[in-house]
Amino acid sequence: MRIRRAMLKDLEGITEIYNDAILKTTATFDTELKTPDEQKRWFEGHDLKYPILVADEEGLIIGWASLSRWSGRSGVFESW
């Protein structure tokens, strides 16, 4: 496995992992799946100061991480 900066060609793998997390986990407060266009805008909003990294195993993206200025996720809080 190799950790490296993400490239645009990695976006499909990143999106697949993220959309799976939206559907099956509580790892994100996003509630709707991301489209390729939304993800491309998100990708283009990152730079050297706010990078996207991927875990690449023989050309397959198996994980990713990013730094962002802020989050616009909606999230839902339910009190007990």
N, C-alpha and C. Protein backbone atom coordinates (compact mmCIF):
# COMPACT_ATOMS: atom_id res chain seq x y z
N MET A 1 0.85 -1.17 0.00
CA MET A 1 0.00 0.00 0.00
C MET A 1 0.89 1.23 0.00
N ARG A 2 0.47 2.23 -0.73
CA ARG A 2 1.20 3.48 -0.83
C ARG A 2 0.25 4.64 -0.53
N ILE A 3 0.68 5.57 0.31
CA ILE A 3 -0.08 6.79 0.59
C ILE A 3 0.52 7.89 -0.30
N ARG A 4 -0.35 8.57 -1.03
CA ARG A 4 0.11 9.62 -1.93
C ARG A 4 -0.98 10.67 -2.11
N ARG A 5 -0.60 11.78 -2.72
CA ARG A 5 -1.59 12.80 -3.06
C ARG A 5 -2.55 12.27 -4.10
N ALA A 6 -3.80 12.63 -3.95
CA ALA A 6 -4.81 12.19 -4.91
C ALA A 6 -4.65 12.92 -6.23
N MET A 7 -5.00 12.21 -7.30
CA MET A 7 -5.04 12.78 -8.63
C MET A 7 -6.49 12.68 -9.12
N LEU A 8 -6.83 13.47 -10.12
CA LEU A 8 -8.20 13.48 -10.62
C LEU A 8 -8.66 12.08 -11.01
N LYS A 9 -7.75 11.26 -11.51
CA LYS A 9 -8.12 9.90 -11.91
C LYS A 9 -8.56 9.04 -10.72
N ASP A 10 -8.24 9.46 -9.49
CA ASP A 10 -8.61 8.73 -8.28
C ASP A 10 -10.02 9.06 -7.81
N LEU A 11 -10.63 10.07 -8.40
CA LEU A 11 -11.89 10.59 -7.89
C LEU A 11 -13.02 9.56 -7.92
N GLU A 12 -13.04 8.70 -8.91
CA GLU A 12 -14.08 7.68 -8.97
C GLU A 12 -13.98 6.74 -7.75
N GLY A 13 -12.78 6.32 -7.41
CA GLY A 13 -12.58 5.45 -6.24
C GLY A 13 -12.91 6.15 -4.94
N ILE A 14 -12.51 7.42 -4.82
CA ILE A 14 -12.82 8.21 -3.63
C ILE A 14 -14.34 8.33 -3.47
N THR A 15 -15.02 8.64 -4.56
CA THR A 15 -16.47 8.82 -4.52
C THR A 15 -17.18 7.52 -4.16
N GLU A 16 -16.70 6.42 -4.70
CA GLU A 16 -17.31 5.12 -4.38
C GLU A 16 -17.20 4.82 -2.88
N ILE A 17 -16.05 5.07 -2.31
CA ILE A 17 -15.85 4.85 -0.87
C ILE A 17 -16.74 5.79 -0.06
N TYR A 18 -16.79 7.06 -0.46
CA TYR A 18 -17.55 8.04 0.30
C TYR A 18 -19.05 7.75 0.23
N ASN A 19 -19.55 7.46 -0.96
CA ASN A 19 -20.98 7.17 -1.08
C ASN A 19 -21.37 5.91 -0.31
N ASP A 20 -20.49 4.94 -0.27
CA ASP A 20 -20.75 3.75 0.53
C ASP A 20 -20.85 4.12 2.02
N ALA A 21 -19.99 5.02 2.46
CA ALA A 21 -20.02 5.46 3.86
C ALA A 21 -21.30 6.23 4.18
N ILE A 22 -21.79 7.02 3.22
CA ILE A 22 -23.05 7.74 3.43
C ILE A 22 -24.18 6.75 3.67
N LEU A 23 -24.21 5.69 2.89
CA LEU A 23 -25.29 4.70 2.97
C LEU A 23 -25.19 3.78 4.18
N LYS A 24 -23.97 3.43 4.60
CA LYS A 24 -23.81 2.33 5.55
C LYS A 24 -23.18 2.67 6.89
N THR A 25 -22.72 3.90 7.08
CA THR A 25 -22.01 4.21 8.32
C THR A 25 -22.46 5.54 8.91
N THR A 26 -21.90 5.86 10.04
CA THR A 26 -22.10 7.17 10.65
C THR A 26 -20.81 7.98 10.58
N ALA A 27 -19.96 7.67 9.62
CA ALA A 27 -18.67 8.35 9.48
C ALA A 27 -18.80 9.75 8.89
N THR A 28 -19.96 10.08 8.34
CA THR A 28 -20.18 11.39 7.74
C THR A 28 -21.58 11.88 8.10
N PHE A 29 -21.74 13.19 8.12
CA PHE A 29 -23.05 13.77 8.33
C PHE A 29 -23.77 14.03 7.01
N ASP A 30 -23.13 13.72 5.89
CA ASP A 30 -23.83 13.85 4.61
C ASP A 30 -24.98 12.85 4.58
N THR A 31 -26.07 13.25 3.95
CA THR A 31 -27.25 12.40 3.90
C THR A 31 -27.65 12.01 2.49
N GLU A 32 -27.04 12.63 1.47
CA GLU A 32 -27.35 12.32 0.08
C GLU A 32 -26.06 11.94 -0.65
N LEU A 33 -26.18 10.97 -1.56
CA LEU A 33 -25.02 10.52 -2.33
C LEU A 33 -24.44 11.66 -3.15
N LYS A 34 -23.14 11.62 -3.35
CA LYS A 34 -22.44 12.64 -4.12
C LYS A 34 -22.39 12.26 -5.59
N THR A 35 -22.62 13.24 -6.45
CA THR A 35 -22.55 13.03 -7.89
C THR A 35 -21.11 13.26 -8.36
N PRO A 36 -20.78 12.76 -9.54
CA PRO A 36 -19.43 13.04 -10.08
C PRO A 36 -19.14 14.54 -10.20
N ASP A 37 -20.11 15.34 -10.61
CA ASP A 37 -19.89 16.78 -10.73
C ASP A 37 -19.63 17.43 -9.37
N GLU A 38 -20.39 17.04 -8.36
CA GLU A 38 -20.17 17.58 -7.01
C GLU A 38 -18.78 17.21 -6.51
N GLN A 39 -18.40 15.99 -6.75
CA GLN A 39 -17.10 15.52 -6.28
C GLN A 39 -15.96 16.21 -7.02
N LYS A 40 -16.15 16.49 -8.30
CA LYS A 40 -15.11 17.19 -9.05
C LYS A 40 -14.91 18.60 -8.49
N ARG A 41 -16.00 19.30 -8.19
CA ARG A 41 -15.89 20.64 -7.59
C ARG A 41 -15.18 20.55 -6.23
N TRP A 42 -15.55 19.53 -5.42
CA TRP A 42 -14.91 19.32 -4.13
C TRP A 42 -13.41 19.09 -4.31
N PHE A 43 -13.05 18.25 -5.26
CA PHE A 43 -11.64 17.94 -5.54
C PHE A 43 -10.88 19.20 -5.92
N GLU A 44 -11.47 19.98 -6.81
CA GLU A 44 -10.82 21.20 -7.30
C GLU A 44 -10.68 22.26 -6.21
N GLY A 45 -11.43 22.13 -5.12
CA GLY A 45 -11.32 23.07 -4.01
C GLY A 45 -10.18 22.77 -3.06
N HIS A 46 -9.41 21.75 -3.33
CA HIS A 46 -8.26 21.38 -2.50
C HIS A 46 -6.97 21.79 -3.17
N ASP A 47 -5.96 22.06 -2.36
CA ASP A 47 -4.68 22.50 -2.88
C ASP A 47 -3.56 21.97 -1.98
N LEU A 48 -2.39 22.54 -2.08
CA LEU A 48 -1.27 22.06 -1.26
C LEU A 48 -1.52 22.24 0.23
N LYS A 49 -2.22 23.31 0.60
CA LYS A 49 -2.51 23.55 2.01
C LYS A 49 -3.61 22.63 2.54
N TYR A 50 -4.56 22.28 1.68
CA TYR A 50 -5.69 21.41 2.04
C TYR A 50 -5.70 20.20 1.09
N PRO A 51 -4.78 19.26 1.30
CA PRO A 51 -4.63 18.16 0.34
C PRO A 51 -5.67 17.06 0.50
N ILE A 52 -5.75 16.24 -0.54
CA ILE A 52 -6.48 14.98 -0.51
C ILE A 52 -5.41 13.90 -0.68
N LEU A 53 -5.43 12.92 0.20
CA LEU A 53 -4.50 11.80 0.11
C LEU A 53 -5.28 10.52 -0.15
N VAL A 54 -4.65 9.58 -0.83
CA VAL A 54 -5.27 8.28 -1.06
C VAL A 54 -4.33 7.18 -0.60
N ALA A 55 -4.94 6.06 -0.22
CA ALA A 55 -4.21 4.82 0.02
C ALA A 55 -4.41 4.00 -1.25
N ASP A 56 -3.32 3.73 -1.95
CA ASP A 56 -3.34 3.06 -3.25
C ASP A 56 -2.68 1.70 -3.10
N GLU A 57 -3.43 0.67 -3.44
CA GLU A 57 -2.87 -0.68 -3.40
C GLU A 57 -2.96 -1.27 -4.81
N GLU A 58 -1.84 -1.28 -5.47
CA GLU A 58 -1.75 -1.80 -6.84
C GLU A 58 -2.76 -1.15 -7.77
N GLY A 59 -2.90 0.17 -7.67
CA GLY A 59 -3.80 0.92 -8.55
C GLY A 59 -5.23 1.01 -8.07
N LEU A 60 -5.56 0.35 -6.97
CA LEU A 60 -6.92 0.40 -6.42
C LEU A 60 -6.94 1.34 -5.23
N ILE A 61 -7.87 2.29 -5.23
CA ILE A 61 -7.99 3.22 -4.11
C ILE A 61 -8.75 2.50 -3.00
N ILE A 62 -8.07 2.27 -1.87
CA ILE A 62 -8.68 1.53 -0.77
C ILE A 62 -9.00 2.42 0.43
N GLY A 63 -8.63 3.69 0.35
CA GLY A 63 -8.94 4.64 1.41
C GLY A 63 -8.51 6.03 0.99
N TRP A 64 -9.00 7.01 1.70
CA TRP A 64 -8.62 8.39 1.40
C TRP A 64 -8.84 9.27 2.63
N ALA A 65 -8.22 10.44 2.60
CA ALA A 65 -8.37 11.44 3.66
C ALA A 65 -8.17 12.82 3.03
N SER A 66 -8.77 13.83 3.65
CA SER A 66 -8.58 15.19 3.15
C SER A 66 -8.62 16.19 4.28
N LEU A 67 -7.99 17.32 4.04
CA LEU A 67 -8.10 18.48 4.92
C LEU A 67 -8.93 19.52 4.20
N SER A 68 -9.84 20.16 4.93
CA SER A 68 -10.71 21.17 4.33
C SER A 68 -10.79 22.38 5.24
N ARG A 69 -11.14 23.51 4.67
CA ARG A 69 -11.30 24.74 5.44
C ARG A 69 -12.47 24.63 6.41
N TRP A 70 -13.57 24.03 5.98
CA TRP A 70 -14.78 23.91 6.79
C TRP A 70 -15.67 22.86 6.18
N SER A 71 -16.74 22.53 6.85
CA SER A 71 -17.67 21.52 6.36
C SER A 71 -19.07 22.10 6.28
N GLY A 72 -19.74 21.87 5.15
CA GLY A 72 -21.09 22.35 4.97
C GLY A 72 -22.12 21.24 5.14
N ARG A 73 -21.75 20.16 5.79
CA ARG A 73 -22.66 19.03 5.96
C ARG A 73 -23.82 19.38 6.86
N SER A 74 -24.97 18.83 6.52
CA SER A 74 -26.17 19.19 7.27
C SER A 74 -26.25 18.47 8.61
N GLY A 75 -26.09 17.17 8.63
CA GLY A 75 -26.18 16.42 9.88
C GLY A 75 -27.54 16.58 10.55
N VAL A 76 -27.92 15.62 11.29
CA VAL A 76 -29.19 15.67 12.01
C VAL A 76 -28.92 15.26 13.45
N PHE A 77 -29.38 16.07 14.39
CA PHE A 77 -29.22 15.75 15.80
C PHE A 77 -30.57 15.37 16.36
N GLU A 78 -30.59 14.24 16.99
CA GLU A 78 -31.82 13.81 17.67
C GLU A 78 -31.52 13.66 19.15
N SER A 79 -32.29 14.33 19.96
CA SER A 79 -32.06 14.21 21.40
C SER A 79 -32.68 12.93 21.92
N TRP A 80 -32.21 12.49 23.03
CA TRP A 80 -32.70 11.24 23.62
C TRP A 80 -33.99 11.51 24.26
